[in-house]
């Protein structure tokens, strides 16, 4: 009887629905934890991978002009905005695994910042200081902040060049202090994407 009861309990447990979930990867995490950041264009697509031309390298240890990346596998909580096609452009935040396979970061493919006609689209975090709107070809549900490609590339470079000082200042920022007043951060070049990065990093403290 005990054995039968144990089997019934086990079967009940394994029959319970499992709800998939994930924690999104923030912009600062993409920038700081990536091994490679490039602005690139898809050249060709295979069954499990795609090859990109690196138009601009922001953070990279590679010397070649092309990279082969593992495709993002759609799952119950996230899917790529469309199928992979030659000509698509993005800023890619990439990590290498133990087998030296290059993968775009993020459980929801956050490490692919889509670029179209020199405009980069950044998923909104709900901050009204950065107006966002729906972009039909990307998502029916998520809103995006649209910035010029050059603004994003410059902001990325400034952030990387000053990351140590930015991190130090945010770590010593005290509650009630007027953020960035007369600070190192305040003296950085004005750039909307840089501001967005720093704001997200501050909120993650």
Protein backbone atom coordinates (compact mmCIF):
# COMPACT_ATOMS: atom_id res chain seq x y z
CA UNK A 1 0.00 0.00 0.00
CA UNK A 2 2.83 2.42 0.91
CA UNK A 3 4.57 1.63 -2.37
CA UNK A 4 1.37 2.30 -4.33
CA UNK A 5 0.80 5.59 -2.48
CA UNK A 6 4.38 6.69 -3.16
CA UNK A 7 3.94 6.02 -6.87
CA UNK A 8 0.69 8.01 -6.94
CA UNK A 9 2.31 10.97 -5.15
CA UNK A 10 5.26 10.90 -7.56
CA UNK A 11 2.94 10.77 -10.59
CA UNK A 12 0.94 13.70 -9.22
CA UNK A 13 4.07 15.79 -8.74
CA UNK A 14 5.48 15.16 -12.19
CA UNK A 15 2.07 15.92 -13.71
CA UNK A 16 1.90 19.41 -12.21
CA UNK A 17 2.28 22.19 -14.81
CA UNK A 18 5.67 23.87 -14.99
CA UNK A 19 5.64 27.58 -15.78
CA UNK A 20 8.77 28.74 -17.57
CA UNK A 21 10.31 32.03 -16.53
CA UNK A 22 13.57 33.92 -16.77
CA UNK A 23 15.36 37.01 -15.53
CA UNK A 24 16.14 39.42 -18.32
CA UNK A 25 19.70 40.57 -18.96
CA UNK A 26 20.10 44.32 -18.43
CA UNK A 27 22.02 46.65 -20.73
CA UNK A 28 24.87 47.18 -18.24
CA UNK A 29 25.20 43.39 -17.84
CA UNK A 30 25.29 42.95 -21.61
CA UNK A 31 28.07 45.51 -21.94
CA UNK A 32 30.13 44.42 -18.95
CA UNK A 33 29.83 40.62 -19.16
CA UNK A 34 30.17 40.24 -22.91
CA UNK A 35 33.40 39.02 -24.48
CA UNK A 36 32.67 40.70 -27.79
CA UNK A 37 30.50 43.65 -28.85
CA UNK A 38 30.19 44.40 -32.56
CA UNK A 39 27.88 46.16 -34.94
CA UNK A 40 27.33 43.72 -37.76
CA UNK A 41 25.27 42.54 -40.72
CA UNK A 42 24.17 38.97 -41.39
CA UNK A 43 25.93 37.51 -44.43
CA UNK A 44 24.58 33.96 -44.44
CA UNK A 45 22.35 31.66 -42.42
CA UNK A 46 22.72 27.94 -41.72
CA UNK A 47 20.56 25.49 -39.79
CA UNK A 48 22.03 26.25 -36.35
CA UNK A 49 24.26 29.27 -36.91
CA UNK A 50 24.63 32.49 -38.87
CA UNK A 51 27.63 34.46 -40.09
CA UNK A 52 27.97 38.21 -39.72
CA UNK A 53 30.22 40.87 -41.19
CA UNK A 54 31.62 43.00 -38.38
CA UNK A 55 31.07 46.55 -39.58
CA UNK A 56 32.39 48.07 -36.36
CA UNK A 57 34.13 46.51 -33.38
CA UNK A 58 33.38 48.02 -29.98
CA UNK A 59 34.85 45.30 -27.77
CA UNK A 60 36.60 42.37 -29.39
CA UNK A 61 39.55 40.02 -29.22
CA UNK A 62 39.10 38.76 -32.79
CA UNK A 63 41.10 39.93 -35.77
CA UNK A 64 38.84 38.76 -38.60
CA UNK A 65 36.02 40.65 -40.28
CA UNK A 66 33.41 37.91 -39.87
CA UNK A 67 32.00 35.93 -36.95
CA UNK A 68 29.88 32.78 -36.85
CA UNK A 69 27.26 32.90 -34.10
CA UNK A 70 24.92 30.29 -32.67
CA UNK A 71 21.26 30.97 -33.50
CA UNK A 72 18.88 31.92 -30.69
CA UNK A 73 16.50 29.01 -30.00
CA UNK A 74 12.93 30.21 -29.53
CA UNK A 75 11.22 28.88 -26.41
CA UNK A 76 8.00 29.30 -24.42
CA UNK A 77 8.95 32.69 -22.91
CA UNK A 78 10.85 34.31 -25.74
CA UNK A 79 11.34 34.23 -29.46
CA UNK A 80 13.37 36.21 -31.96
CA UNK A 81 11.48 39.02 -33.68
CA UNK A 82 11.63 37.21 -37.04
CA UNK A 83 13.56 34.49 -38.82
CA UNK A 84 17.24 35.03 -39.57
CA UNK A 85 17.91 36.60 -42.96
CA UNK A 86 20.94 37.95 -44.78
CA UNK A 87 21.10 41.73 -44.58
CA UNK A 88 19.69 42.08 -41.04
CA UNK A 89 21.80 44.36 -38.84
CA UNK A 90 22.29 44.57 -35.09
CA UNK A 91 24.67 45.42 -32.32
CA UNK A 92 25.62 42.00 -30.94
CA UNK A 93 26.67 41.33 -27.34
CA UNK A 94 28.45 37.99 -27.47
CA UNK A 95 29.89 35.45 -25.07
CA UNK A 96 32.07 32.43 -25.80
CA UNK A 97 31.31 29.11 -24.11
CA UNK A 98 33.75 26.40 -23.05
CA UNK A 99 33.62 24.88 -26.54
CA UNK A 100 34.53 28.30 -28.03
CA UNK A 101 31.07 28.66 -29.58
CA UNK A 102 29.96 32.29 -29.92
CA UNK A 103 26.49 32.99 -28.55
CA UNK A 104 24.39 36.15 -28.37
CA UNK A 105 23.67 36.93 -24.71
CA UNK A 106 20.32 36.75 -22.95
CA UNK A 107 17.60 34.19 -22.35
CA UNK A 108 15.32 36.41 -24.45
CA UNK A 109 18.00 37.30 -27.00
CA UNK A 110 18.57 40.67 -25.30
CA UNK A 111 22.10 40.69 -26.70
CA UNK A 112 20.86 41.48 -30.20
CA UNK A 113 20.06 45.20 -30.40
CA UNK A 114 18.28 45.42 -33.72
CA UNK A 115 19.40 48.14 -36.12
CA UNK A 116 17.36 49.22 -39.13
CA UNK A 117 18.10 52.16 -41.40
CA UNK A 118 20.72 53.48 -38.94
CA UNK A 119 18.31 53.42 -36.00
CA UNK A 120 18.91 51.14 -33.00
CA UNK A 121 16.01 49.84 -30.93
CA UNK A 122 16.41 49.36 -27.17
CA UNK A 123 13.71 47.62 -25.13
CA UNK A 124 12.19 50.09 -22.68
CA UNK A 125 12.50 49.67 -18.90
CA UNK A 126 9.56 52.00 -18.32
CA UNK A 127 11.49 55.17 -17.51
CA UNK A 128 9.51 58.16 -18.80
CA UNK A 129 12.73 60.11 -19.26
CA UNK A 130 13.37 57.91 -22.31
CA UNK A 131 10.22 57.97 -24.48
CA UNK A 132 9.35 54.58 -25.92
CA UNK A 133 6.84 53.33 -28.43
CA UNK A 134 5.73 50.10 -30.05
CA UNK A 135 7.67 49.00 -33.10
CA UNK A 136 5.45 46.66 -35.10
CA UNK A 137 8.18 44.72 -36.86
CA UNK A 138 9.87 43.92 -33.53
CA UNK A 139 7.08 43.13 -31.06
CA UNK A 140 3.35 43.53 -30.45
CA UNK A 141 3.89 43.89 -26.71
CA UNK A 142 7.26 45.49 -25.91
CA UNK A 143 7.96 49.19 -26.37
CA UNK A 144 11.32 50.45 -27.57
CA UNK A 145 13.50 53.52 -27.24
CA UNK A 146 14.70 54.49 -30.72
CA UNK A 147 18.12 56.10 -31.01
CA UNK A 148 20.44 56.81 -33.88
CA UNK A 149 23.02 54.09 -34.43
CA UNK A 150 25.85 56.56 -33.99
CA UNK A 151 24.47 57.73 -30.62
CA UNK A 152 24.41 54.15 -29.35
CA UNK A 153 27.89 53.31 -30.63
CA UNK A 154 29.37 56.48 -29.10
CA UNK A 155 27.55 55.86 -25.81
CA UNK A 156 28.86 52.31 -25.64
CA UNK A 157 32.44 53.45 -26.19
CA UNK A 158 32.25 56.21 -23.58
CA UNK A 159 30.74 53.77 -21.06
CA UNK A 160 33.45 51.18 -21.65
CA UNK A 161 36.25 53.75 -21.54
CA UNK A 162 35.01 55.10 -18.20
CA UNK A 163 33.50 51.97 -16.63
CA UNK A 164 35.86 51.79 -13.67
CA UNK A 165 35.19 55.39 -12.61
CA UNK A 166 31.44 55.10 -13.25
CA UNK A 167 31.23 51.95 -11.12
CA UNK A 168 33.26 53.51 -8.31
CA UNK A 169 31.09 56.60 -8.21
CA UNK A 170 27.80 54.70 -8.26
CA UNK A 171 29.04 52.41 -5.49
CA UNK A 172 29.77 55.41 -3.26
CA UNK A 173 26.56 57.26 -4.14
CA UNK A 174 24.58 57.66 -0.93
CA UNK A 175 20.78 57.82 -0.46
CA UNK A 176 19.53 61.37 -0.66
CA UNK A 177 22.52 62.63 -2.60
CA UNK A 178 21.67 64.62 -5.72
CA UNK A 179 22.72 62.08 -8.33
CA UNK A 180 25.84 62.95 -10.28
CA UNK A 181 26.00 66.59 -9.09
CA UNK A 182 29.54 67.96 -9.61
CA UNK A 183 30.61 64.38 -10.27
CA UNK A 184 32.79 62.46 -12.67
CA UNK A 185 29.68 61.11 -14.37
CA UNK A 186 28.24 64.58 -14.85
CA UNK A 187 31.39 65.64 -16.69
CA UNK A 188 31.20 62.83 -19.25
CA UNK A 189 30.16 63.75 -22.83
CA UNK A 190 26.41 64.12 -23.20
CA UNK A 191 24.90 61.03 -24.79
CA UNK A 192 21.36 59.64 -24.36
CA UNK A 193 22.41 55.99 -24.59
CA UNK A 194 25.16 56.56 -22.05
CA UNK A 195 22.60 58.14 -19.70
CA UNK A 196 20.31 55.15 -20.18
CA UNK A 197 23.13 52.72 -19.37
CA UNK A 198 24.15 54.62 -16.24
CA UNK A 199 20.55 54.94 -15.05
CA UNK A 200 20.02 51.18 -15.36
CA UNK A 201 23.28 50.49 -13.57
CA UNK A 202 22.31 52.85 -10.76
CA UNK A 203 18.96 51.07 -10.34
CA UNK A 204 20.72 47.70 -10.09
CA UNK A 205 22.72 48.75 -7.03
